[in-house]
Amino acid sequence: MEETKLARVNPFALTYETFKNEMVVHLGLDRYASAEIYSQLAENGDLDASALKRLPPRPGIASQLRATLLIPKPEFAEVKRADGVVKFTLRLEDGHEVESVVLPMLSHYTLCVSSQVGCKRGCLFCTTAKMGFVRDLTSEEIVLQLFAARHVLGYPIRNIVFMGMGEPLDNFSSVQEAISIMTDQRGFHIGLRRITVSTVGSEEGIEKLAASPVSSVNLAVSINGATDEIRSRLMPVNRKTPLKQLVRVLKNYPFARKGSLFAEYIVIQGVNDSPQDADALMETLAGLSVCFNLIGFNAGPGAPFPSTPQKAVDRFRDLMVERGAYVRIRASKGRDLVAGCGQLGKAHGKAVVV
């Protein structure tokens, strides 16, 4: 009878519980050995069998383990660095490419990950939208971006933001699974409150996240327009989920204790930055605990608006503060790399050695 050959196991595509089950099937390992292996892999990105204390004393077990595990080897199409910001492009197995950005913060590094190749949402200000929708990423491809940043490029990533290419809640099952892998305490061990999911604000997507086991992640919603007229011009999703309906959904969202909605607002000079816009924005989101994140528009190739000067962002911040809002200006990191907010999605050339 011909022996069935088991597929190799990529531990970076699995939560610990699933990995543990795979180790039982492949090698008959108990949960203690499996936990030790999983934690070492997440911490180091590779296997050092000589450092493992809980492997059973069986002849050849270390070599069998190495033969069973499939350690990812990300293919970098491009890596660019400027002022501490790193934008890297991964080439996927089918030849498509996705971009991710490592952002240096005051005391840690944040990784901006993509969830789709392209996007179907068609936001006027977004370069990714010009690609159209190509396909969803698998959870494995999403986690691969974290693996690449931590274990190949060498950045000790602490926070994750789903603000790269694609609409995360349109690829909900893969995003939820990726978050479960990233937050597994025996693995990458990134806290749920250190992960932010940014969405265009569809009712269906927010309700899915609200009902999920990962609902205590930070929720960021792109508002960008204080009236339906302006927001529908900038974001087609507003025609299906207009502002009043969006606010109603958000009021039912189970924000974590002391949690607030992050209202993302791209300031576009002459479009959505008037005193009247500030008044309407405060009125529209009244009744919600909101932290407004302002960022100036970053013009990419073929952009419909020029980049917003910082003084215009500062002026709108002052208007919001005068009205009692809690406001933060998100520093526009990565403009020189075309890695700023809304700029991801440019095609790239040959692979490079990192």
Protein backbone atom coordinates (compact mmCIF):
# COMPACT_ATOMS: atom_id res chain seq x y z
CA MET A 1 0.00 0.00 0.00
CA GLU A 2 1.46 3.37 -1.02
CA GLU A 3 2.23 5.69 1.89
CA THR A 4 0.45 9.06 1.86
CA LYS A 5 2.93 11.93 1.94
CA LEU A 6 1.86 14.73 4.26
CA ALA A 7 2.23 18.34 3.15
CA ARG A 8 4.86 20.36 4.96
CA VAL A 9 3.68 22.69 7.70
CA ASN A 10 4.10 26.47 7.53
CA PRO A 11 3.91 27.46 11.22
CA PHE A 12 3.53 31.13 10.31
CA ALA A 13 0.21 30.40 8.63
CA LEU A 14 -1.32 28.72 11.70
CA THR A 15 -2.45 29.54 15.20
CA TYR A 16 -0.82 27.49 17.94
CA GLU A 17 -3.83 25.19 18.34
CA THR A 18 -3.77 24.28 14.65
CA PHE A 19 0.01 23.94 14.66
CA LYS A 20 -0.18 21.64 17.70
CA ASN A 21 -2.63 19.38 15.88
CA GLU A 22 -0.33 19.27 12.85
CA MET A 23 2.61 18.24 15.05
CA VAL A 24 0.55 15.38 16.44
CA VAL A 25 -0.32 14.17 12.93
CA HIS A 26 3.19 14.55 11.50
CA LEU A 27 5.47 13.69 14.41
CA GLY A 28 3.38 12.62 17.38
CA LEU A 29 4.64 15.54 19.50
CA ASP A 30 2.86 16.57 22.68
CA ARG A 31 1.58 20.08 23.40
CA TYR A 32 4.64 21.05 25.44
CA ALA A 33 7.08 20.34 22.61
CA SER A 34 4.72 21.96 20.10
CA ALA A 35 4.43 25.13 22.19
CA GLU A 36 8.20 25.40 22.56
CA ILE A 37 8.74 24.98 18.81
CA TYR A 38 6.01 27.46 17.91
CA SER A 39 7.31 30.12 20.30
CA GLN A 40 10.89 29.74 19.09
CA LEU A 41 9.85 30.04 15.47
CA ALA A 42 7.78 33.19 16.13
CA GLU A 43 10.61 34.78 18.09
CA ASN A 44 13.50 33.87 15.78
CA GLY A 45 11.91 33.21 12.41
CA ASP A 46 13.76 29.90 12.09
CA LEU A 47 14.37 26.62 13.89
CA ASP A 48 17.29 25.84 16.18
CA ALA A 49 16.57 22.26 17.22
CA SER A 50 19.60 22.19 19.52
CA ALA A 51 17.96 24.83 21.74
CA LEU A 52 14.73 22.87 22.16
CA LYS A 53 14.35 21.19 25.57
CA ARG A 54 11.08 19.35 25.11
CA LEU A 55 11.68 17.27 21.99
CA PRO A 56 11.26 13.55 22.73
CA PRO A 57 14.57 11.61 22.79
CA ARG A 58 13.88 9.77 19.57
CA PRO A 59 16.60 9.13 16.99
CA GLY A 60 16.35 11.56 14.08
CA ILE A 61 13.55 13.67 15.58
CA ALA A 62 15.38 16.96 14.96
CA SER A 63 15.93 16.21 11.26
CA GLN A 64 12.36 14.97 10.93
CA LEU A 65 11.14 18.24 12.42
CA ARG A 66 13.24 20.32 10.02
CA ALA A 67 11.90 18.27 7.10
CA THR A 68 8.31 18.80 8.27
CA LEU A 69 8.45 22.57 8.74
CA LEU A 70 8.13 24.95 5.83
CA ILE A 71 9.82 28.25 6.72
CA PRO A 72 8.67 31.10 4.42
CA LYS A 73 11.14 32.69 2.03
CA PRO A 74 9.56 36.00 1.01
CA GLU A 75 10.43 37.28 -2.45
CA PHE A 76 11.07 41.01 -2.33
CA ALA A 77 10.33 42.83 -5.55
CA GLU A 78 11.57 46.09 -4.05
CA VAL A 79 12.71 47.61 -0.76
CA LYS A 80 13.01 51.38 -0.30
CA ARG A 81 14.15 53.33 2.75
CA ALA A 82 13.99 57.03 3.60
CA ASP A 83 14.01 58.86 6.94
CA GLY A 84 13.50 55.64 8.89
CA VAL A 85 10.47 54.58 6.82
CA VAL A 86 10.72 51.33 4.86
CA LYS A 87 8.39 50.42 2.02
CA PHE A 88 8.71 46.87 0.75
CA THR A 89 6.96 45.04 -2.04
CA LEU A 90 6.43 41.28 -1.86
CA ARG A 91 5.96 39.22 -4.99
CA LEU A 92 3.39 36.51 -4.35
CA GLU A 93 3.42 33.00 -5.81
CA ASP A 94 1.06 33.97 -8.63
CA GLY A 95 3.24 36.96 -9.60
CA HIS A 96 1.03 39.66 -8.08
CA GLU A 97 2.65 42.16 -5.74
CA VAL A 98 1.59 43.84 -2.50
CA GLU A 99 3.16 46.72 -0.63
CA SER A 100 3.76 47.10 3.11
CA VAL A 101 5.31 49.93 5.12
CA VAL A 102 7.40 49.89 8.31
CA LEU A 103 6.83 53.10 10.26
CA PRO A 104 9.19 54.21 13.04
CA MET A 105 7.30 55.62 16.01
CA LEU A 106 8.71 57.24 19.16
CA SER A 107 9.24 53.98 21.04
CA HIS A 108 8.36 51.19 18.61
CA TYR A 109 7.80 50.14 15.01
CA THR A 110 4.40 49.88 13.35
CA LEU A 111 3.75 47.74 10.28
CA CYS A 112 1.14 48.81 7.74
CA VAL A 113 -0.13 45.67 6.00
CA SER A 114 -2.18 45.05 2.88
CA SER A 115 -5.20 42.75 2.78
CA GLN A 116 -5.94 42.65 -0.96
CA VAL A 117 -4.26 43.04 -4.31
CA GLY A 118 -5.98 46.21 -5.46
CA CYS A 119 -9.35 47.34 -4.11
CA LYS A 120 -12.91 47.52 -5.40
CA ARG A 121 -14.03 50.50 -3.30
CA GLY A 122 -12.97 53.19 -5.77
CA CYS A 123 -12.16 56.01 -3.32
CA LEU A 124 -11.26 59.10 -5.34
CA PHE A 125 -8.17 59.97 -3.30
CA CYS A 126 -6.58 56.48 -3.25
CA THR A 127 -3.90 55.20 -5.63
CA THR A 128 -4.77 51.57 -4.86
CA ALA A 129 -8.28 52.19 -6.19
CA LYS A 130 -6.82 52.88 -9.64
CA MET A 131 -5.64 49.25 -9.77
CA GLY A 132 -9.17 47.97 -9.45
CA PHE A 133 -9.77 44.76 -7.54
CA VAL A 134 -7.50 41.83 -8.41
CA ARG A 135 -7.95 39.36 -5.56
CA ASP A 136 -8.06 38.85 -1.80
CA LEU A 137 -4.93 37.88 0.08
CA THR A 138 -4.94 34.66 2.06
CA SER A 139 -4.30 34.85 5.79
CA GLU A 140 -0.91 33.30 5.08
CA GLU A 141 -0.04 36.13 2.67
CA ILE A 142 -1.11 38.73 5.21
CA VAL A 143 1.02 37.19 7.98
CA LEU A 144 3.91 36.84 5.52
CA GLN A 145 4.20 40.64 5.58
CA LEU A 146 4.80 40.54 9.34
CA PHE A 147 7.28 37.67 8.95
CA ALA A 148 9.16 39.63 6.29
CA ALA A 149 9.31 42.81 8.37
CA ARG A 150 10.37 41.08 11.58
CA HIS A 151 12.54 38.21 10.50
CA VAL A 152 14.00 39.24 7.16
CA LEU A 153 14.25 43.03 7.41
CA GLY A 154 14.84 42.82 11.16
CA TYR A 155 12.34 45.30 12.60
CA PRO A 156 10.84 44.49 16.04
CA ILE A 157 7.26 45.21 14.99
CA ARG A 158 4.96 45.98 17.93
CA ASN A 159 1.85 47.42 16.26
CA ILE A 160 -0.08 46.42 13.14
CA VAL A 161 -2.34 48.66 11.08
CA PHE A 162 -4.52 47.28 8.29
CA MET A 163 -4.18 50.45 6.26
CA GLY A 164 -2.33 49.16 3.22
CA MET A 165 -3.73 48.01 -0.11
CA GLY A 166 -7.33 46.84 -0.04
CA GLU A 167 -10.41 47.06 2.18
CA PRO A 168 -9.81 44.69 5.13
CA LEU A 169 -13.48 44.02 5.87
CA ASP A 170 -14.11 42.95 2.26
CA ASN A 171 -11.67 40.11 2.97
CA PHE A 172 -13.00 39.45 6.42
CA SER A 173 -12.32 35.73 6.90
CA SER A 174 -8.64 36.01 5.93
CA VAL A 175 -8.14 39.19 7.98
CA GLN A 176 -9.77 37.64 11.04
CA GLU A 177 -7.61 34.51 10.73
CA ALA A 178 -4.44 36.59 10.22
CA ILE A 179 -5.24 38.63 13.34
CA SER A 180 -5.77 35.40 15.30
CA ILE A 181 -2.31 34.21 14.22
CA MET A 182 -0.65 37.55 14.96
CA THR A 183 -2.17 37.74 18.44
CA ASP A 184 -1.56 34.13 19.50
CA GLN A 185 0.21 34.34 22.86
CA ARG A 186 2.55 31.44 22.08
CA GLY A 187 3.52 33.00 18.75
CA PHE A 188 3.85 36.60 17.54
CA HIS A 189 1.96 37.72 20.68
CA ILE A 190 0.80 41.10 19.38
CA GLY A 191 -2.03 42.37 21.58
CA LEU A 192 -5.43 42.95 20.00
CA ARG A 193 -5.29 46.56 21.21
CA ARG A 194 -2.07 47.01 19.24
CA ILE A 195 -3.87 46.17 15.99
CA THR A 196 -5.95 48.69 14.07
CA VAL A 197 -8.34 47.77 11.29
CA SER A 198 -9.11 50.68 8.99
CA THR A 199 -12.25 50.48 6.87
CA VAL A 200 -14.16 52.60 4.38
CA GLY A 201 -17.19 52.06 6.60
CA SER A 202 -19.57 49.54 5.09
CA GLU A 203 -22.41 48.47 7.38
CA GLU A 204 -21.98 44.78 6.59
CA GLY A 205 -18.23 44.77 7.24
CA ILE A 206 -18.44 46.60 10.57
CA GLU A 207 -21.21 44.28 11.77
CA LYS A 208 -19.08 41.24 10.89
CA LEU A 209 -16.15 42.63 12.87
CA ALA A 210 -18.43 43.52 15.80
CA ALA A 211 -19.64 39.92 16.04
CA SER A 212 -16.18 38.36 15.74
CA PRO A 213 -13.70 37.16 18.40
CA VAL A 214 -11.29 39.95 17.34
CA SER A 215 -13.74 42.84 17.80
CA SER A 216 -11.52 44.48 20.47
CA VAL A 217 -8.99 45.59 17.86
CA ASN A 218 -8.92 49.33 17.30
CA LEU A 219 -11.47 50.37 14.70
CA ALA A 220 -10.62 53.20 12.33
CA VAL A 221 -13.22 54.44 9.86
CA SER A 222 -12.43 56.70 6.93
CA ILE A 223 -14.88 59.59 7.20
CA ASN A 224 -13.27 62.22 4.95
CA GLY A 225 -16.48 64.12 4.37
CA ALA A 226 -18.82 65.70 6.91
CA THR A 227 -21.84 65.63 4.56
CA ASP A 228 -23.22 62.93 2.32
CA GLU A 229 -22.65 65.14 -0.70
CA ILE A 230 -18.91 65.50 -0.09
CA ARG A 231 -18.34 61.97 1.20
CA SER A 232 -20.21 60.36 -1.70
CA ARG A 233 -18.04 62.34 -4.10
CA LEU A 234 -14.89 61.03 -2.41
CA MET A 235 -16.05 57.55 -1.37
CA PRO A 236 -18.63 55.52 -3.34
CA VAL A 237 -19.38 53.41 -0.24
CA ASN A 238 -21.31 56.37 1.15
CA ARG A 239 -24.06 55.83 -1.43
CA LYS A 240 -24.81 52.44 0.15
CA THR A 241 -23.98 53.31 3.76
CA PRO A 242 -24.59 57.05 4.17
CA LEU A 243 -23.36 58.92 7.22
CA LYS A 244 -26.48 58.61 9.40
CA GLN A 245 -26.61 54.88 8.78
CA LEU A 246 -22.87 54.56 9.41
CA VAL A 247 -23.16 56.41 12.73
CA ARG A 248 -26.04 54.17 13.79
CA VAL A 249 -23.91 51.08 13.13
CA LEU A 250 -20.96 52.57 15.01
CA LYS A 251 -23.10 53.37 18.05
CA ASN A 252 -23.83 49.65 18.30
CA TYR A 253 -20.19 48.61 17.97
CA PRO A 254 -18.73 46.90 21.09
CA PHE A 255 -15.74 49.16 21.61
CA ALA A 256 -13.32 47.84 24.22
CA ARG A 257 -13.33 49.50 27.65
CA LYS A 258 -12.25 53.13 27.27
CA GLY A 259 -12.02 52.50 23.53
CA SER A 260 -12.87 55.16 20.98
CA LEU A 261 -13.61 55.30 17.31
CA PHE A 262 -10.67 56.51 15.26
CA ALA A 263 -12.24 58.79 12.67
CA GLU A 264 -9.75 59.04 9.80
CA TYR A 265 -10.07 62.32 7.97
CA ILE A 266 -7.96 63.10 4.92
CA VAL A 267 -7.81 66.88 4.70
CA ILE A 268 -8.16 68.02 1.09
CA GLN A 269 -7.65 71.75 0.76
CA GLY A 270 -10.69 73.51 -0.64
CA VAL A 271 -12.80 70.33 -0.55
CA ASN A 272 -13.47 69.33 3.07
CA ASP A 273 -11.54 71.76 5.29
CA SER A 274 -13.85 74.75 5.83
CA PRO A 275 -15.35 75.95 9.14
CA GLN A 276 -18.68 74.63 7.85
CA ASP A 277 -17.09 71.21 7.37
CA ALA A 278 -15.82 71.28 10.96
CA ASP A 279 -19.31 72.15 12.23
CA ALA A 280 -20.95 69.40 10.19
CA LEU A 281 -18.35 66.83 11.23
CA MET A 282 -18.93 67.49 14.92
CA GLU A 283 -22.70 67.33 14.44
CA THR A 284 -22.57 64.14 12.37
CA LEU A 285 -20.47 62.17 14.89
CA ALA A 286 -22.13 63.57 18.01
CA GLY A 287 -22.86 60.85 20.55
CA LEU A 288 -19.77 58.80 19.69
CA SER A 289 -16.48 58.76 21.60
CA VAL A 290 -14.18 59.86 18.79
CA CYS A 291 -10.51 60.49 18.26
CA PHE A 292 -10.09 62.40 14.99
CA ASN A 293 -6.97 61.48 13.05
CA LEU A 294 -6.18 64.14 10.49
CA ILE A 295 -3.78 63.60 7.63
CA GLY A 296 -3.04 65.79 4.66
CA PHE A 297 -3.86 64.40 1.23
CA ASN A 298 -0.85 62.76 -0.43
CA ALA A 299 -0.95 63.19 -4.19
CA GLY A 300 0.10 60.08 -6.11
CA PRO A 301 0.45 59.63 -9.87
CA GLY A 302 -2.64 61.01 -11.62
CA ALA A 303 -4.14 62.31 -8.37
CA PRO A 304 -7.33 64.40 -8.64
CA PHE A 305 -6.07 66.94 -6.08
CA PRO A 306 -2.70 68.47 -5.20
CA SER A 307 -1.05 67.42 -1.93
CA THR A 308 -2.43 69.33 1.04
CA PRO A 309 0.13 71.65 2.67
CA GLN A 310 0.73 71.08 6.36
CA LYS A 311 -0.50 74.55 7.24
CA ALA A 312 -3.95 73.65 5.87
CA VAL A 313 -4.02 70.51 8.05
CA ASP A 314 -2.99 72.56 11.07
CA ARG A 315 -5.70 75.12 10.34
CA PHE A 316 -8.41 72.44 10.19
CA ARG A 317 -7.10 70.90 13.40
CA ASP A 318 -7.50 74.27 15.11
CA LEU A 319 -11.08 74.53 13.83
CA MET A 320 -11.88 71.10 15.29
CA VAL A 321 -10.19 71.78 18.62
CA GLU A 322 -12.14 75.04 18.96
CA ARG A 323 -15.30 72.93 18.69
CA GLY A 324 -14.22 70.57 21.46
CA ALA A 325 -12.87 67.67 19.41
CA TYR A 326 -10.00 65.39 20.45
CA VAL A 327 -7.70 65.62 17.45
CA ARG A 328 -4.39 64.11 16.43
CA ILE A 329 -2.45 64.89 13.29
CA ARG A 330 -1.03 61.75 11.77
CA ALA A 331 2.43 62.56 10.50
CA SER A 332 2.56 61.91 6.78
CA LYS A 333 5.49 59.51 6.82
CA GLY A 334 6.70 57.94 3.61
CA ARG A 335 5.75 60.60 1.05
CA ASP A 336 9.26 60.50 -0.43
CA LEU A 337 8.83 56.75 -0.99
CA VAL A 338 5.27 57.10 -2.32
CA ALA A 339 4.38 55.19 0.84
CA GLY A 340 2.07 57.72 2.45
CA CYS A 341 -1.58 57.15 3.23
CA GLY A 342 -3.45 56.36 -0.01
CA GLN A 343 -0.33 56.05 -2.14
CA LEU A 344 0.25 52.28 -2.23
CA GLY A 345 -0.23 50.29 -5.39
CA LYS A 346 2.43 51.28 -7.89
CA ALA A 347 3.85 48.53 -10.11
CA HIS A 348 7.44 47.50 -9.50
CA GLY A 349 10.31 45.88 -11.36
CA LYS A 350 12.87 43.16 -10.75
CA ALA A 351 13.41 41.34 -7.50
CA VAL A 352 16.16 42.63 -5.25
CA VAL A 353 18.39 40.98 -2.69
CA VAL A 354 17.67 42.18 0.86
